[in-house]
Each structure stands twice: as structure tokens, then as C-alpha cells.
Amino acid sequence: MNNTRFATAIHIMTLLAEAPQEWLTSEWLAGSININPVIVRKELSVLREAGLIVSRQGKEGGTMLAKNTDAIKISDIYLAVKNTGVLGKKNNNPNPACPVGKEINKHLNALFSETDQLVLNFLGDKTLQEFLERFR
């Protein structure tokens, strides 16, 4: 994943964890991250779909965590926003006449899958609470 989606999502989740009883607005969250609130709302939508946050609209609206910080694994956040493998994407059209090209995607699939699993296992051993404690 060669973008900032995971960094944005974990920033959002950490801010929500810091204020567990408050409904934080996308504008407030965006101010901390220093990005456009539209980007925050997009990630909030994905995190809500994953069941990690709840939101309410209106004058008293905002977002808060849907679960206790000990129940949220960093891998849950990663999976919510993951849109490519850790190593990126494979070449869709290698030359089938090439001895490497004709088999490269089969071997890349295995390598990519193994790498993704290592990352998930590593992140799955860490909770949002443990990450939050780094700020204290």
C-alpha cells in the first residue's frame, strides 16, 4: 500500500481513542491530521463499514470508537483501508514466450500473499490501546 490511507486511518483512530466519550467532528480530526475534511470523511466511511467507529449527524454529531481500544487490533484498521498488497501489484501482461514472464505472476502471487500474511500477523499482535500508550 503505497499511499497514506493507513497513516490517516490510524491517526483518526488514535484521536478517537484519546477522547473516548466525545463525538469528534471530521473538521476537528482533519485539523489534527492537517488534511481536507473530505479525505477524513472518506476514511471515516470505510472505518464505519468495518465496524470500528460509529457516527451521528446533526448539531451534536461526530464520530467515536465502536469498540474498546483493547478490542481493536491494528490489523483491523489496516484491513479496513488496505487497497493493494504490501508489495504492490503484479504486472498483468508479462510476455508468455519469456521463460520468466510466463511464470512470474504465479511466483509473485505466492510472495505477495506470504508478505501480506506476515504484515497481518505482526499488526494483529498489537492493539489500538498499545499504540495509544506510545503517546503518554
N, C-alpha and C. Protein backbone atom coordinates (compact mmCIF):
# COMPACT_ATOMS: atom_id res chain seq x y z
N MET A 1 0.86 -1.16 0.00
CA MET A 1 0.00 0.00 0.00
C MET A 1 0.91 1.23 0.00
N ASN A 2 1.07 1.83 -1.13
CA ASN A 2 1.95 2.97 -1.27
C ASN A 2 1.18 4.28 -1.24
N ASN A 3 0.42 4.48 -0.18
CA ASN A 3 -0.30 5.73 -0.01
C ASN A 3 -0.42 6.04 1.48
N THR A 4 -1.15 7.06 1.81
CA THR A 4 -1.25 7.48 3.21
C THR A 4 -2.53 7.03 3.90
N ARG A 5 -3.30 6.15 3.28
CA ARG A 5 -4.58 5.77 3.87
C ARG A 5 -4.42 5.14 5.25
N PHE A 6 -3.47 4.22 5.41
CA PHE A 6 -3.28 3.59 6.71
C PHE A 6 -2.85 4.62 7.75
N ALA A 7 -1.90 5.48 7.39
CA ALA A 7 -1.44 6.52 8.32
C ALA A 7 -2.59 7.44 8.73
N THR A 8 -3.43 7.80 7.77
CA THR A 8 -4.59 8.65 8.07
C THR A 8 -5.56 7.91 8.98
N ALA A 9 -5.84 6.66 8.67
CA ALA A 9 -6.80 5.89 9.46
C ALA A 9 -6.32 5.68 10.89
N ILE A 10 -5.06 5.35 11.06
CA ILE A 10 -4.58 5.12 12.43
C ILE A 10 -4.50 6.44 13.20
N HIS A 11 -4.25 7.54 12.50
CA HIS A 11 -4.28 8.86 13.14
C HIS A 11 -5.70 9.15 13.65
N ILE A 12 -6.68 8.92 12.79
CA ILE A 12 -8.08 9.11 13.18
C ILE A 12 -8.43 8.25 14.38
N MET A 13 -8.09 6.97 14.31
CA MET A 13 -8.44 6.04 15.38
C MET A 13 -7.75 6.42 16.69
N THR A 14 -6.52 6.90 16.61
CA THR A 14 -5.80 7.30 17.83
C THR A 14 -6.43 8.54 18.44
N LEU A 15 -6.83 9.49 17.61
CA LEU A 15 -7.53 10.68 18.12
C LEU A 15 -8.83 10.29 18.80
N LEU A 16 -9.57 9.39 18.19
CA LEU A 16 -10.84 8.93 18.79
C LEU A 16 -10.57 8.19 20.10
N ALA A 17 -9.48 7.45 20.16
CA ALA A 17 -9.13 6.71 21.38
C ALA A 17 -8.73 7.67 22.50
N GLU A 18 -8.15 8.80 22.15
CA GLU A 18 -7.77 9.81 23.15
C GLU A 18 -8.98 10.48 23.79
N ALA A 19 -10.10 10.47 23.09
CA ALA A 19 -11.31 11.13 23.59
C ALA A 19 -12.49 10.16 23.48
N PRO A 20 -12.46 9.08 24.25
CA PRO A 20 -13.44 8.00 24.06
C PRO A 20 -14.90 8.37 24.32
N GLN A 21 -15.15 9.42 25.07
CA GLN A 21 -16.53 9.81 25.39
C GLN A 21 -17.02 11.00 24.58
N GLU A 22 -16.20 11.47 23.64
CA GLU A 22 -16.55 12.65 22.86
C GLU A 22 -16.87 12.29 21.42
N TRP A 23 -17.81 13.03 20.84
CA TRP A 23 -18.14 12.91 19.42
C TRP A 23 -17.27 13.92 18.68
N LEU A 24 -16.24 13.43 17.99
CA LEU A 24 -15.32 14.31 17.28
C LEU A 24 -15.77 14.50 15.83
N THR A 25 -15.71 15.74 15.38
CA THR A 25 -16.15 16.04 14.01
C THR A 25 -15.02 15.78 13.01
N SER A 26 -15.41 15.60 11.76
CA SER A 26 -14.42 15.39 10.71
C SER A 26 -13.53 16.63 10.56
N GLU A 27 -14.09 17.80 10.79
CA GLU A 27 -13.30 19.03 10.70
C GLU A 27 -12.24 19.06 11.79
N TRP A 28 -12.60 18.65 12.99
CA TRP A 28 -11.64 18.63 14.09
C TRP A 28 -10.55 17.60 13.82
N LEU A 29 -10.94 16.41 13.38
CA LEU A 29 -9.97 15.36 13.05
C LEU A 29 -9.03 15.83 11.94
N ALA A 30 -9.59 16.45 10.91
CA ALA A 30 -8.79 16.93 9.79
C ALA A 30 -7.78 17.98 10.24
N GLY A 31 -8.16 18.79 11.23
CA GLY A 31 -7.24 19.80 11.74
C GLY A 31 -6.00 19.17 12.37
N SER A 32 -6.16 18.08 13.06
CA SER A 32 -5.02 17.40 13.67
C SER A 32 -4.12 16.77 12.61
N ILE A 33 -4.75 16.18 11.60
CA ILE A 33 -4.01 15.48 10.55
C ILE A 33 -3.46 16.48 9.53
N ASN A 34 -4.06 17.66 9.50
CA ASN A 34 -3.70 18.73 8.57
C ASN A 34 -4.01 18.32 7.12
N ILE A 35 -5.22 17.80 6.96
CA ILE A 35 -5.70 17.43 5.62
C ILE A 35 -7.13 17.93 5.46
N ASN A 36 -7.65 17.82 4.26
CA ASN A 36 -9.00 18.24 3.94
C ASN A 36 -10.02 17.33 4.66
N PRO A 37 -11.06 17.90 5.26
CA PRO A 37 -12.08 17.10 5.94
C PRO A 37 -12.76 16.08 5.02
N VAL A 38 -12.79 16.35 3.72
CA VAL A 38 -13.39 15.39 2.78
C VAL A 38 -12.62 14.07 2.80
N ILE A 39 -11.31 14.14 2.90
CA ILE A 39 -10.49 12.93 2.97
C ILE A 39 -10.78 12.19 4.27
N VAL A 40 -10.91 12.92 5.35
CA VAL A 40 -11.24 12.31 6.64
C VAL A 40 -12.59 11.62 6.56
N ARG A 41 -13.58 12.29 5.97
CA ARG A 41 -14.92 11.68 5.86
C ARG A 41 -14.89 10.40 5.03
N LYS A 42 -14.06 10.36 4.00
CA LYS A 42 -13.93 9.15 3.19
C LYS A 42 -13.39 8.00 4.05
N GLU A 43 -12.36 8.27 4.82
CA GLU A 43 -11.79 7.22 5.67
C GLU A 43 -12.75 6.85 6.81
N LEU A 44 -13.47 7.83 7.34
CA LEU A 44 -14.47 7.52 8.37
C LEU A 44 -15.52 6.56 7.83
N SER A 45 -15.91 6.75 6.59
CA SER A 45 -16.89 5.86 5.97
C SER A 45 -16.38 4.43 5.91
N VAL A 46 -15.13 4.27 5.55
CA VAL A 46 -14.52 2.93 5.46
C VAL A 46 -14.39 2.32 6.86
N LEU A 47 -13.97 3.11 7.83
CA LEU A 47 -13.82 2.61 9.20
C LEU A 47 -15.19 2.26 9.81
N ARG A 48 -16.21 3.03 9.46
CA ARG A 48 -17.57 2.73 9.93
C ARG A 48 -18.07 1.42 9.32
N GLU A 49 -17.81 1.24 8.02
CA GLU A 49 -18.20 0.00 7.34
C GLU A 49 -17.54 -1.22 7.98
N ALA A 50 -16.32 -1.05 8.47
CA ALA A 50 -15.59 -2.14 9.11
C ALA A 50 -16.03 -2.36 10.55
N GLY A 51 -16.95 -1.52 11.05
CA GLY A 51 -17.46 -1.68 12.41
C GLY A 51 -16.52 -1.15 13.48
N LEU A 52 -15.56 -0.32 13.11
CA LEU A 52 -14.59 0.19 14.08
C LEU A 52 -15.03 1.49 14.74
N ILE A 53 -15.90 2.24 14.06
CA ILE A 53 -16.38 3.51 14.60
C ILE A 53 -17.89 3.61 14.42
N VAL A 54 -18.48 4.55 15.14
CA VAL A 54 -19.88 4.91 14.95
C VAL A 54 -19.92 6.42 14.78
N SER A 55 -20.90 6.86 14.01
CA SER A 55 -21.05 8.29 13.76
C SER A 55 -22.50 8.69 13.92
N ARG A 56 -22.69 9.96 14.21
CA ARG A 56 -24.04 10.51 14.23
C ARG A 56 -23.99 11.88 13.60
N GLN A 57 -25.09 12.25 12.98
CA GLN A 57 -25.15 13.53 12.28
C GLN A 57 -25.85 14.57 13.13
N GLY A 58 -25.82 15.78 12.65
CA GLY A 58 -26.53 16.85 13.33
C GLY A 58 -25.62 17.74 14.15
N LYS A 59 -26.28 18.65 14.85
CA LYS A 59 -25.58 19.65 15.64
C LYS A 59 -24.64 19.02 16.68
N GLU A 60 -25.06 17.91 17.26
CA GLU A 60 -24.27 17.21 18.26
C GLU A 60 -23.56 16.00 17.64
N GLY A 61 -23.37 16.03 16.34
CA GLY A 61 -22.81 14.90 15.62
C GLY A 61 -21.31 14.77 15.77
N GLY A 62 -20.82 13.69 15.21
CA GLY A 62 -19.40 13.40 15.24
C GLY A 62 -19.17 11.91 15.16
N THR A 63 -18.01 11.50 15.54
CA THR A 63 -17.60 10.10 15.46
C THR A 63 -16.92 9.69 16.74
N MET A 64 -17.10 8.42 17.12
CA MET A 64 -16.36 7.83 18.23
C MET A 64 -16.11 6.36 17.95
N LEU A 65 -15.25 5.76 18.73
CA LEU A 65 -14.93 4.35 18.55
C LEU A 65 -16.16 3.48 18.84
N ALA A 66 -16.29 2.41 18.09
CA ALA A 66 -17.39 1.48 18.29
C ALA A 66 -17.04 0.39 19.30
N LYS A 67 -15.74 0.25 19.59
CA LYS A 67 -15.27 -0.80 20.49
C LYS A 67 -14.23 -0.22 21.44
N ASN A 68 -13.95 -0.96 22.47
CA ASN A 68 -12.88 -0.62 23.40
C ASN A 68 -11.54 -0.71 22.66
N THR A 69 -10.61 0.15 23.01
CA THR A 69 -9.31 0.17 22.33
C THR A 69 -8.55 -1.15 22.44
N ASP A 70 -8.79 -1.91 23.50
CA ASP A 70 -8.15 -3.23 23.63
C ASP A 70 -8.73 -4.25 22.65
N ALA A 71 -9.92 -3.99 22.15
CA ALA A 71 -10.58 -4.93 21.24
C ALA A 71 -10.29 -4.60 19.77
N ILE A 72 -9.60 -3.51 19.52
CA ILE A 72 -9.29 -3.11 18.13
C ILE A 72 -7.83 -3.43 17.86
N LYS A 73 -7.61 -4.34 16.95
CA LYS A 73 -6.26 -4.70 16.52
C LYS A 73 -5.81 -3.73 15.44
N ILE A 74 -4.54 -3.44 15.39
CA ILE A 74 -4.01 -2.58 14.34
C ILE A 74 -4.27 -3.22 12.98
N SER A 75 -4.28 -4.53 12.93
CA SER A 75 -4.59 -5.23 11.67
C SER A 75 -6.02 -4.96 11.22
N ASP A 76 -6.95 -4.72 12.16
CA ASP A 76 -8.33 -4.39 11.79
C ASP A 76 -8.36 -3.06 11.02
N ILE A 77 -7.57 -2.10 11.49
CA ILE A 77 -7.50 -0.79 10.84
C ILE A 77 -6.85 -0.95 9.47
N TYR A 78 -5.77 -1.69 9.43
CA TYR A 78 -5.05 -1.92 8.17
C TYR A 78 -5.96 -2.57 7.13
N LEU A 79 -6.68 -3.61 7.53
CA LEU A 79 -7.56 -4.30 6.59
C LEU A 79 -8.71 -3.42 6.12
N ALA A 80 -9.16 -2.51 6.97
CA ALA A 80 -10.26 -1.63 6.58
C ALA A 80 -9.87 -0.72 5.41
N VAL A 81 -8.63 -0.27 5.39
CA VAL A 81 -8.22 0.70 4.37
C VAL A 81 -7.31 0.11 3.29
N LYS A 82 -6.92 -1.14 3.45
CA LYS A 82 -6.00 -1.78 2.50
C LYS A 82 -6.64 -1.86 1.12
N ASN A 83 -5.93 -1.36 0.12
CA ASN A 83 -6.46 -1.46 -1.24
C ASN A 83 -5.50 -2.14 -2.21
N THR A 84 -4.30 -2.43 -1.75
CA THR A 84 -3.34 -3.22 -2.51
C THR A 84 -2.51 -4.02 -1.53
N GLY A 85 -1.76 -4.96 -2.05
CA GLY A 85 -0.87 -5.73 -1.20
C GLY A 85 0.30 -4.88 -0.74
N VAL A 86 0.99 -5.36 0.26
CA VAL A 86 2.14 -4.66 0.81
C VAL A 86 3.17 -4.36 -0.27
N LEU A 87 3.37 -5.30 -1.15
CA LEU A 87 4.39 -5.14 -2.19
C LEU A 87 3.84 -4.52 -3.47
N GLY A 88 2.60 -4.14 -3.47
CA GLY A 88 2.01 -3.51 -4.64
C GLY A 88 1.26 -4.51 -5.50
N LYS A 89 1.26 -4.24 -6.81
CA LYS A 89 0.52 -5.07 -7.76
C LYS A 89 1.49 -5.74 -8.72
N LYS A 90 1.08 -6.85 -9.26
CA LYS A 90 1.91 -7.55 -10.23
C LYS A 90 1.66 -6.99 -11.63
N ASN A 91 2.55 -7.34 -12.54
CA ASN A 91 2.40 -6.96 -13.94
C ASN A 91 1.34 -7.88 -14.56
N ASN A 92 0.28 -7.30 -15.08
CA ASN A 92 -0.82 -8.11 -15.61
C ASN A 92 -0.54 -8.75 -16.96
N ASN A 93 0.43 -8.24 -17.72
CA ASN A 93 0.65 -8.74 -19.07
C ASN A 93 2.10 -9.09 -19.36
N PRO A 94 2.70 -9.99 -18.59
CA PRO A 94 4.08 -10.38 -18.92
C PRO A 94 4.09 -11.19 -20.22
N ASN A 95 5.23 -11.24 -20.84
CA ASN A 95 5.39 -11.95 -22.11
C ASN A 95 5.30 -13.46 -21.88
N PRO A 96 4.29 -14.12 -22.42
CA PRO A 96 4.14 -15.58 -22.20
C PRO A 96 5.21 -16.40 -22.91
N ALA A 97 5.94 -15.80 -23.84
CA ALA A 97 7.02 -16.53 -24.53
C ALA A 97 8.33 -16.47 -23.73
N CYS A 98 8.39 -15.62 -22.74
CA CYS A 98 9.59 -15.48 -21.92
C CYS A 98 9.58 -16.55 -20.83
N PRO A 99 10.72 -17.21 -20.57
CA PRO A 99 10.74 -18.25 -19.53
C PRO A 99 10.41 -17.71 -18.14
N VAL A 100 10.74 -16.46 -17.87
CA VAL A 100 10.38 -15.84 -16.59
C VAL A 100 8.96 -15.28 -16.67
N GLY A 101 8.67 -14.54 -17.74
CA GLY A 101 7.38 -13.90 -17.90
C GLY A 101 6.20 -14.84 -17.81
N LYS A 102 6.35 -16.04 -18.35
CA LYS A 102 5.22 -16.97 -18.36
C LYS A 102 4.88 -17.51 -16.98
N GLU A 103 5.83 -17.40 -16.01
CA GLU A 103 5.57 -17.93 -14.67
C GLU A 103 5.66 -16.89 -13.56
N ILE A 104 6.03 -15.68 -13.91
CA ILE A 104 6.30 -14.67 -12.89
C ILE A 104 5.11 -14.41 -11.97
N ASN A 105 3.92 -14.29 -12.54
CA ASN A 105 2.77 -13.94 -11.71
C ASN A 105 2.41 -15.04 -10.71
N LYS A 106 2.61 -16.28 -11.08
CA LYS A 106 2.36 -17.39 -10.14
C LYS A 106 3.28 -17.25 -8.93
N HIS A 107 4.54 -16.97 -9.19
CA HIS A 107 5.51 -16.85 -8.09
C HIS A 107 5.34 -15.54 -7.32
N LEU A 108 4.97 -14.48 -8.02
CA LEU A 108 4.69 -13.22 -7.33
C LEU A 108 3.48 -13.36 -6.43
N ASN A 109 2.45 -14.05 -6.89
CA ASN A 109 1.26 -14.25 -6.07
C ASN A 109 1.62 -14.90 -4.74
N ALA A 110 2.48 -15.90 -4.78
CA ALA A 110 2.89 -16.58 -3.55
C ALA A 110 3.70 -15.63 -2.66
N LEU A 111 4.64 -14.92 -3.25
CA LEU A 111 5.46 -13.97 -2.49
C LEU A 111 4.61 -12.87 -1.88
N PHE A 112 3.71 -12.31 -2.66
CA PHE A 112 2.84 -11.24 -2.17
C PHE A 112 1.94 -11.74 -1.04
N SER A 113 1.38 -12.92 -1.22
CA SER A 113 0.49 -13.50 -0.21
C SER A 113 1.24 -13.75 1.10
N GLU A 114 2.43 -14.31 1.01
CA GLU A 114 3.24 -14.56 2.21
C GLU A 114 3.60 -13.26 2.93
N THR A 115 3.95 -12.25 2.17
CA THR A 115 4.33 -10.96 2.75
C THR A 115 3.12 -10.30 3.42
N ASP A 116 1.99 -10.31 2.75
CA ASP A 116 0.77 -9.75 3.34
C ASP A 116 0.43 -10.46 4.65
N GLN A 117 0.58 -11.78 4.69
CA GLN A 117 0.27 -12.54 5.90
C GLN A 117 1.22 -12.18 7.04
N LEU A 118 2.49 -11.99 6.72
CA LEU A 118 3.46 -11.57 7.75
C LEU A 118 3.06 -10.21 8.35
N VAL A 119 2.66 -9.29 7.52
CA VAL A 119 2.25 -7.96 7.99
C VAL A 119 1.00 -8.09 8.86
N LEU A 120 0.03 -8.86 8.39
CA LEU A 120 -1.21 -9.04 9.17
C LEU A 120 -0.93 -9.69 10.52
N ASN A 121 -0.06 -10.69 10.53
CA ASN A 121 0.29 -11.33 11.81
C ASN A 121 0.97 -10.35 12.74
N PHE A 122 1.89 -9.55 12.22
CA PHE A 122 2.60 -8.56 13.02
C PHE A 122 1.63 -7.52 13.60
N LEU A 123 0.78 -6.96 12.74
CA LEU A 123 -0.18 -5.95 13.19
C LEU A 123 -1.27 -6.54 14.07
N GLY A 124 -1.58 -7.81 13.87
CA GLY A 124 -2.62 -8.47 14.65
C GLY A 124 -2.22 -8.70 16.10
N ASP A 125 -0.92 -8.59 16.38
CA ASP A 125 -0.44 -8.75 17.75
C ASP A 125 -0.46 -7.44 18.52
N LYS A 126 -0.90 -6.36 17.87
CA LYS A 126 -0.90 -5.05 18.50
C LYS A 126 -2.30 -4.46 18.54
N THR A 127 -2.64 -3.84 19.65
CA THR A 127 -3.95 -3.23 19.79
C THR A 127 -3.85 -1.71 19.66
N LEU A 128 -4.99 -1.10 19.43
CA LEU A 128 -5.05 0.36 19.40
C LEU A 128 -4.64 0.92 20.76
N GLN A 129 -5.00 0.23 21.83
CA GLN A 129 -4.61 0.67 23.18
C GLN A 129 -3.10 0.71 23.32
N GLU A 130 -2.42 -0.31 22.84
CA GLU A 130 -0.95 -0.33 22.91
C GLU A 130 -0.35 0.81 22.10
N PHE A 131 -0.93 1.09 20.94
CA PHE A 131 -0.43 2.19 20.12
C PHE A 131 -0.68 3.52 20.82
N LEU A 132 -1.86 3.67 21.40
CA LEU A 132 -2.22 4.90 22.12
C LEU A 132 -1.23 5.17 23.26
N GLU A 133 -0.79 4.14 23.94
CA GLU A 133 0.11 4.29 25.09
C GLU A 133 1.45 4.88 24.68
N ARG A 134 1.82 4.82 23.43
CA ARG A 134 3.07 5.42 22.97
C ARG A 134 3.05 6.95 23.09
N PHE A 135 1.86 7.53 23.21
CA PHE A 135 1.72 8.97 23.27
C PHE A 135 1.74 9.49 24.71
N ARG A 136 1.89 8.61 25.64
CA ARG A 136 1.87 9.00 27.07
C ARG A 136 3.23 8.90 27.68
